[in-house]
């Protein structure tokens, strides 16, 4: 939808409105539970968020948001084997409030 909006110079909301009027199916943003589980498995196996995004045809932001909600520690860009400091310092209660973490 972003591409259509950018191509026509209109907002995504306007694109969405036109698609609904034309009875065109609009793919739900994000990933379902089954795909989210696969995303976490691939990431933990060493795949990059960019590779996962390309495989599932979503943005890297969607992949990273999905991983964080599942409580997965995000690796650093500089050192892909090391977790990011921000993710290590994030309080568990914040992760749980968003539906992720060990209790979510």
Foldseek 3Di string as FASTA:
>chain_A
DVVVCVVVVHDPVVVVVVCVVVVHDDDDPADDPVLLVVLLVVVVVPDALVVSCVVVVHDSVRSVVSCLLAVHFAADPVDRVHGDPVSVPDDQVVSVVSNYHDVD
